[in-house]
Amino acid sequence: MMSILTSVLIEVAARIGAPLVKALLEKHVGGIAGEAGGAVIDAIAKQAGVQPEQLPQLPADRLERAIEEVEESPDLILAQARSQELGNELMLAEMQKEHWFGWAWRPAGMWLMLACVAWLMIVLPVVNAILWALVPGIQIEAGIDLANFFGIFTIYTSLYMGGHTVMKAVEKAKRS
């Protein structure tokens, strides 16, 4: 039920130009952050004068008015600003508690991967094409083929993006 309700509200918010409501619903409905999304849905239902479950059955114009009123609500804007502020505080706390290497390896590694992708897919082929045009037979060798590099890239990105989830799952399995 919640996914249908959310998709209806997101669609209407996008159609009438309510980016704050749309962004909050997309970002915060479900999962751990569900309270913020639930608060947005409750606010829309309150403005419309119905229960949240009844929102999909409302006439489009009434639903649009309710979303517009919530979009202009200062409480909603303050909640979004507070959410961003808390996220920034969390990031700063992580950076302050660890030695700089504890947090710097992640962005440095991603920049390195981006540089390697640019080198292997853009710069090296262009340089080799220019060299070949000037002196046939001269080429710069990459040192690693694309298939092996993308295997390394995929492993690094998987660990970077999902390593914490895997670690939590292993910890949970150990406790069971």
C-alpha atoms as a PDB file:
ATOM      1  CA  MET A   1       0.000   0.000   0.000  1.00  0.00           C
ATOM      2  CA  MET A   2       2.742   2.441   0.956  1.00  0.00           C
ATOM      3  CA  SER A   3       4.595   2.024  -2.344  1.00  0.00           C
ATOM      4  CA  ILE A   4       1.459   2.770  -4.372  1.00  0.00           C
ATOM      5  CA  LEU A   5       0.696   5.786  -2.209  1.00  0.00           C
ATOM      6  CA  THR A   6       4.273   7.015  -2.447  1.00  0.00           C
ATOM      7  CA  SER A   7       4.428   6.612  -6.222  1.00  0.00           C
ATOM      8  CA  VAL A   8       1.141   8.504  -6.635  1.00  0.00           C
ATOM      9  CA  LEU A   9       2.346  11.334  -4.410  1.00  0.00           C
ATOM     10  CA  ILE A  10       5.760  11.529  -6.110  1.00  0.00           C
ATOM     11  CA  GLU A  11       4.115  11.610  -9.542  1.00  0.00           C
ATOM     12  CA  VAL A  12       1.736  14.411  -8.538  1.00  0.00           C
ATOM     13  CA  ALA A  13       4.507  16.366  -6.790  1.00  0.00           C
ATOM     14  CA  ALA A  14       6.655  16.149  -9.933  1.00  0.00           C
ATOM     15  CA  ARG A  15       3.760  17.168 -12.171  1.00  0.00           C
ATOM     16  CA  ILE A  16       2.809  20.256 -10.165  1.00  0.00           C
ATOM     17  CA  GLY A  17       6.380  21.358  -9.526  1.00  0.00           C
ATOM     18  CA  ALA A  18       6.852  20.547  -5.833  1.00  0.00           C
ATOM     19  CA  PRO A  19      10.515  19.481  -5.832  1.00  0.00           C
ATOM     20  CA  LEU A  20      10.965  19.543  -2.055  1.00  0.00           C
ATOM     21  CA  VAL A  21       8.035  17.199  -1.425  1.00  0.00           C
ATOM     22  CA  LYS A  22       9.146  14.964  -4.309  1.00  0.00           C
ATOM     23  CA  ALA A  23      12.748  14.802  -3.058  1.00  0.00           C
ATOM     24  CA  LEU A  24      11.741  14.070   0.531  1.00  0.00           C
ATOM     25  CA  LEU A  25       9.383  11.292  -0.524  1.00  0.00           C
ATOM     26  CA  GLU A  26      11.943   9.710  -2.838  1.00  0.00           C
ATOM     27  CA  LYS A  27      14.716   9.920  -0.273  1.00  0.00           C
ATOM     28  CA  HIS A  28      12.978   9.178   2.999  1.00  0.00           C
ATOM     29  CA  VAL A  29      10.079   6.764   2.468  1.00  0.00           C
ATOM     30  CA  GLY A  30      10.835   3.297   3.741  1.00  0.00           C
ATOM     31  CA  GLY A  31      13.877   1.897   5.453  1.00  0.00           C
ATOM     32  CA  ILE A  32      15.559   3.658   8.361  1.00  0.00           C
ATOM     33  CA  ALA A  33      14.742   7.134   7.099  1.00  0.00           C
ATOM     34  CA  GLY A  34      11.031   6.307   6.760  1.00  0.00           C
ATOM     35  CA  GLU A  35       9.962   8.680   9.534  1.00  0.00           C
ATOM     36  CA  ALA A  36      10.684  11.790   7.442  1.00  0.00           C
ATOM     37  CA  GLY A  37       8.813  10.377   4.454  1.00  0.00           C
ATOM     38  CA  GLY A  38       5.965   9.308   6.707  1.00  0.00           C
ATOM     39  CA  ALA A  39       5.796  12.824   8.134  1.00  0.00           C
ATOM     40  CA  VAL A  40       5.497  14.242   4.605  1.00  0.00           C
ATOM     41  CA  ILE A  41       2.698  11.796   3.755  1.00  0.00           C
ATOM     42  CA  ASP A  42       0.927  12.625   7.034  1.00  0.00           C
ATOM     43  CA  ALA A  43       1.249  16.359   6.317  1.00  0.00           C
ATOM     44  CA  ILE A  44      -0.252  15.914   2.845  1.00  0.00           C
ATOM     45  CA  ALA A  45      -3.105  13.834   4.288  1.00  0.00           C
ATOM     46  CA  LYS A  46      -3.727  16.460   6.994  1.00  0.00           C
ATOM     47  CA  GLN A  47      -3.849  19.247   4.394  1.00  0.00           C
ATOM     48  CA  ALA A  48      -6.279  17.181   2.310  1.00  0.00           C
ATOM     49  CA  GLY A  49      -8.383  16.314   5.378  1.00  0.00           C
ATOM     50  CA  VAL A  50      -8.208  12.543   4.884  1.00  0.00           C
ATOM     51  CA  GLN A  51      -6.338   9.524   6.211  1.00  0.00           C
ATOM     52  CA  PRO A  52      -3.047   8.707   4.438  1.00  0.00           C
ATOM     53  CA  GLU A  53      -4.535   5.496   2.963  1.00  0.00           C
ATOM     54  CA  GLN A  54      -7.238   7.564   1.234  1.00  0.00           C
ATOM     55  CA  LEU A  55      -4.807   9.848  -0.638  1.00  0.00           C
ATOM     56  CA  PRO A  56      -4.699   7.772  -3.867  1.00  0.00           C
ATOM     57  CA  GLN A  57      -8.506   7.996  -4.177  1.00  0.00           C
ATOM     58  CA  LEU A  58      -8.594  11.805  -3.908  1.00  0.00           C
ATOM     59  CA  PRO A  59      -9.463  13.895  -6.956  1.00  0.00           C
ATOM     60  CA  ALA A  60      -6.288  15.131  -8.648  1.00  0.00           C
ATOM     61  CA  ASP A  61      -6.956  18.823  -8.009  1.00  0.00           C
ATOM     62  CA  ARG A  62      -7.506  18.282  -4.272  1.00  0.00           C
ATOM     63  CA  LEU A  63      -4.340  16.185  -3.979  1.00  0.00           C
ATOM     64  CA  GLU A  64      -2.371  18.806  -5.925  1.00  0.00           C
ATOM     65  CA  ARG A  65      -3.581  21.605  -3.610  1.00  0.00           C
ATOM     66  CA  ALA A  66      -2.588  19.582  -0.546  1.00  0.00           C
ATOM     67  CA  ILE A  67       0.907  18.915  -1.915  1.00  0.00           C
ATOM     68  CA  GLU A  68       1.329  22.574  -2.898  1.00  0.00           C
ATOM     69  CA  GLU A  69       0.386  23.660   0.623  1.00  0.00           C
ATOM     70  CA  VAL A  70       2.869  21.195   2.146  1.00  0.00           C
ATOM     71  CA  GLU A  71       5.548  22.314  -0.323  1.00  0.00           C
ATOM     72  CA  GLU A  72       5.219  25.883   0.915  1.00  0.00           C
ATOM     73  CA  SER A  73       5.259  24.832   4.577  1.00  0.00           C
ATOM     74  CA  PRO A  74       8.205  26.313   6.499  1.00  0.00           C
ATOM     75  CA  ASP A  75       8.274  23.247   8.757  1.00  0.00           C
ATOM     76  CA  LEU A  76       9.023  21.046   5.770  1.00  0.00           C
ATOM     77  CA  ILE A  77      11.840  23.298   4.617  1.00  0.00           C
ATOM     78  CA  LEU A  78      13.258  23.369   8.152  1.00  0.00           C
ATOM     79  CA  ALA A  79      13.045  19.577   8.378  1.00  0.00           C
ATOM     80  CA  GLN A  80      14.945  19.228   5.090  1.00  0.00           C
ATOM     81  CA  ALA A  81      17.606  21.695   6.271  1.00  0.00           C
ATOM     82  CA  ARG A  82      17.908  19.867   9.607  1.00  0.00           C
ATOM     83  CA  SER A  83      18.277  16.543   7.797  1.00  0.00           C
ATOM     84  CA  GLN A  84      21.118  17.960   5.713  1.00  0.00           C
ATOM     85  CA  GLU A  85      22.714  19.499   8.807  1.00  0.00           C
ATOM     86  CA  LEU A  86      22.646  16.183  10.661  1.00  0.00           C
ATOM     87  CA  GLY A  87      24.189  14.421   7.676  1.00  0.00           C
ATOM     88  CA  ASN A  88      26.994  16.978   7.582  1.00  0.00           C
ATOM     89  CA  GLU A  89      27.573  16.633  11.330  1.00  0.00           C
ATOM     90  CA  LEU A  90      27.801  12.859  10.971  1.00  0.00           C
ATOM     91  CA  MET A  91      30.351  13.159   8.184  1.00  0.00           C
ATOM     92  CA  LEU A  92      32.431  15.651  10.204  1.00  0.00           C
ATOM     93  CA  ALA A  93      32.282  13.428  13.289  1.00  0.00           C
ATOM     94  CA  GLU A  94      33.606  10.509  11.253  1.00  0.00           C
ATOM     95  CA  MET A  95      36.413  12.659   9.889  1.00  0.00           C
ATOM     96  CA  GLN A  96      37.383  13.932  13.354  1.00  0.00           C
ATOM     97  CA  LYS A  97      37.383  10.587  15.152  1.00  0.00           C
ATOM     98  CA  GLU A  98      39.677   8.838  12.704  1.00  0.00           C
ATOM     99  CA  HIS A  99      43.170   9.541  11.515  1.00  0.00           C
ATOM    100  CA  TRP A 100      42.957  11.292   8.133  1.00  0.00           C
ATOM    101  CA  PHE A 101      43.797   8.072   6.298  1.00  0.00           C
ATOM    102  CA  GLY A 102      40.751   6.372   7.838  1.00  0.00           C
ATOM    103  CA  TRP A 103      38.416   8.469   5.735  1.00  0.00           C
ATOM    104  CA  ALA A 104      40.665   9.856   2.969  1.00  0.00           C
ATOM    105  CA  TRP A 105      41.356   6.510   1.257  1.00  0.00           C
ATOM    106  CA  ARG A 106      37.778   6.282  -0.008  1.00  0.00           C
ATOM    107  CA  PRO A 107      37.593   9.501  -2.023  1.00  0.00           C
ATOM    108  CA  ALA A 108      41.261   9.185  -3.027  1.00  0.00           C
ATOM    109  CA  GLY A 109      40.616   5.658  -4.302  1.00  0.00           C
ATOM    110  CA  MET A 110      37.566   6.743  -6.282  1.00  0.00           C
ATOM    111  CA  TRP A 111      39.510   9.622  -7.861  1.00  0.00           C
ATOM    112  CA  LEU A 112      42.285   7.172  -8.722  1.00  0.00           C
ATOM    113  CA  MET A 113      39.768   4.817 -10.329  1.00  0.00           C
ATOM    114  CA  LEU A 114      38.242   7.716 -12.263  1.00  0.00           C
ATOM    115  CA  ALA A 115      41.711   8.762 -13.469  1.00  0.00           C
ATOM    116  CA  CYS A 116      42.471   5.168 -14.534  1.00  0.00           C
ATOM    117  CA  VAL A 117      39.185   4.916 -16.458  1.00  0.00           C
ATOM    118  CA  ALA A 118      39.906   8.254 -18.170  1.00  0.00           C
ATOM    119  CA  TRP A 119      43.451   7.141 -19.010  1.00  0.00           C
ATOM    120  CA  LEU A 120      42.470   3.712 -20.362  1.00  0.00           C
ATOM    121  CA  MET A 121      39.342   4.731 -22.262  1.00  0.00           C
ATOM    122  CA  ILE A 122      40.002   8.301 -23.419  1.00  0.00           C
ATOM    123  CA  VAL A 123      43.546   9.610 -23.088  1.00  0.00           C
ATOM    124  CA  LEU A 124      45.511   6.501 -24.098  1.00  0.00           C
ATOM    125  CA  PRO A 125      43.490   5.779 -27.273  1.00  0.00           C
ATOM    126  CA  VAL A 126      43.746   9.422 -28.363  1.00  0.00           C
ATOM    127  CA  VAL A 127      47.493   9.550 -27.689  1.00  0.00           C
ATOM    128  CA  ASN A 128      47.990   6.241 -29.502  1.00  0.00           C
ATOM    129  CA  ALA A 129      45.952   7.472 -32.477  1.00  0.00           C
ATOM    130  CA  ILE A 130      48.091  10.616 -32.696  1.00  0.00           C
ATOM    131  CA  LEU A 131      51.312   8.603 -32.368  1.00  0.00           C
ATOM    132  CA  TRP A 132      50.153   6.119 -35.004  1.00  0.00           C
ATOM    133  CA  ALA A 133      49.273   8.972 -37.372  1.00  0.00           C
ATOM    134  CA  LEU A 134      52.699  10.578 -36.886  1.00  0.00           C
ATOM    135  CA  VAL A 135      54.879   7.464 -36.829  1.00  0.00           C
ATOM    136  CA  PRO A 136      53.144   4.187 -37.728  1.00  0.00           C
ATOM    137  CA  GLY A 137      54.016   1.342 -35.383  1.00  0.00           C
ATOM    138  CA  ILE A 138      54.605   3.427 -32.241  1.00  0.00           C
ATOM    139  CA  GLN A 139      52.090   2.812 -29.456  1.00  0.00           C
ATOM    140  CA  ILE A 140      51.994   3.245 -25.688  1.00  0.00           C
ATOM    141  CA  GLU A 141      51.058   0.039 -23.937  1.00  0.00           C
ATOM    142  CA  ALA A 142      48.572   0.316 -21.085  1.00  0.00           C
ATOM    143  CA  GLY A 143      50.116  -2.391 -18.935  1.00  0.00           C
ATOM    144  CA  ILE A 144      46.692  -3.851 -18.159  1.00  0.00           C
ATOM    145  CA  ASP A 145      43.856  -4.797 -20.451  1.00  0.00           C
ATOM    146  CA  LEU A 146      40.357  -3.381 -19.977  1.00  0.00           C
ATOM    147  CA  ALA A 147      38.843  -6.674 -18.832  1.00  0.00           C
ATOM    148  CA  ASN A 148      41.297  -7.053 -15.950  1.00  0.00           C
ATOM    149  CA  PHE A 149      41.058  -3.390 -15.021  1.00  0.00           C
ATOM    150  CA  PHE A 150      37.273  -3.477 -14.914  1.00  0.00           C
ATOM    151  CA  GLY A 151      37.448  -6.589 -12.736  1.00  0.00           C
ATOM    152  CA  ILE A 152      39.624  -4.660 -10.268  1.00  0.00           C
ATOM    153  CA  PHE A 153      37.383  -1.613 -10.609  1.00  0.00           C
ATOM    154  CA  THR A 154      34.270  -3.707  -9.904  1.00  0.00           C
ATOM    155  CA  ILE A 155      35.819  -5.334  -6.833  1.00  0.00           C
ATOM    156  CA  TYR A 156      36.981  -1.972  -5.450  1.00  0.00           C
ATOM    157  CA  THR A 157      33.641  -0.305  -6.117  1.00  0.00           C
ATOM    158  CA  SER A 158      31.727  -3.231  -4.592  1.00  0.00           C
ATOM    159  CA  LEU A 159      33.811  -3.058  -1.438  1.00  0.00           C
ATOM    160  CA  TYR A 160      33.561   0.725  -1.337  1.00  0.00           C
ATOM    161  CA  MET A 161      29.819   0.811  -1.927  1.00  0.00           C
ATOM    162  CA  GLY A 162      28.693  -2.374  -0.215  1.00  0.00           C
ATOM    163  CA  GLY A 163      31.516  -3.546   2.019  1.00  0.00           C
ATOM    164  CA  HIS A 164      29.881  -2.195   5.162  1.00  0.00           C
ATOM    165  CA  THR A 165      26.680  -4.062   4.356  1.00  0.00           C
ATOM    166  CA  VAL A 166      28.603  -7.314   3.915  1.00  0.00           C
ATOM    167  CA  MET A 167      30.467  -6.754   7.199  1.00  0.00           C
ATOM    168  CA  LYS A 168      27.166  -6.158   9.027  1.00  0.00           C
ATOM    169  CA  ALA A 169      25.685  -9.317   7.503  1.00  0.00           C
ATOM    170  CA  VAL A 170      28.715 -11.371   8.582  1.00  0.00           C
ATOM    171  CA  GLU A 171      28.497  -9.922  12.119  1.00  0.00           C
ATOM    172  CA  LYS A 172      24.781 -10.752  12.246  1.00  0.00           C
ATOM    173  CA  ALA A 173      25.465 -14.297  11.034  1.00  0.00           C
ATOM    174  CA  LYS A 174      28.139 -14.766  13.721  1.00  0.00           C
ATOM    175  CA  ARG A 175      25.673 -13.694  16.440  1.00  0.00           C
ATOM    176  CA  SER A 176      23.003 -16.134  15.203  1.00  0.00           C
END
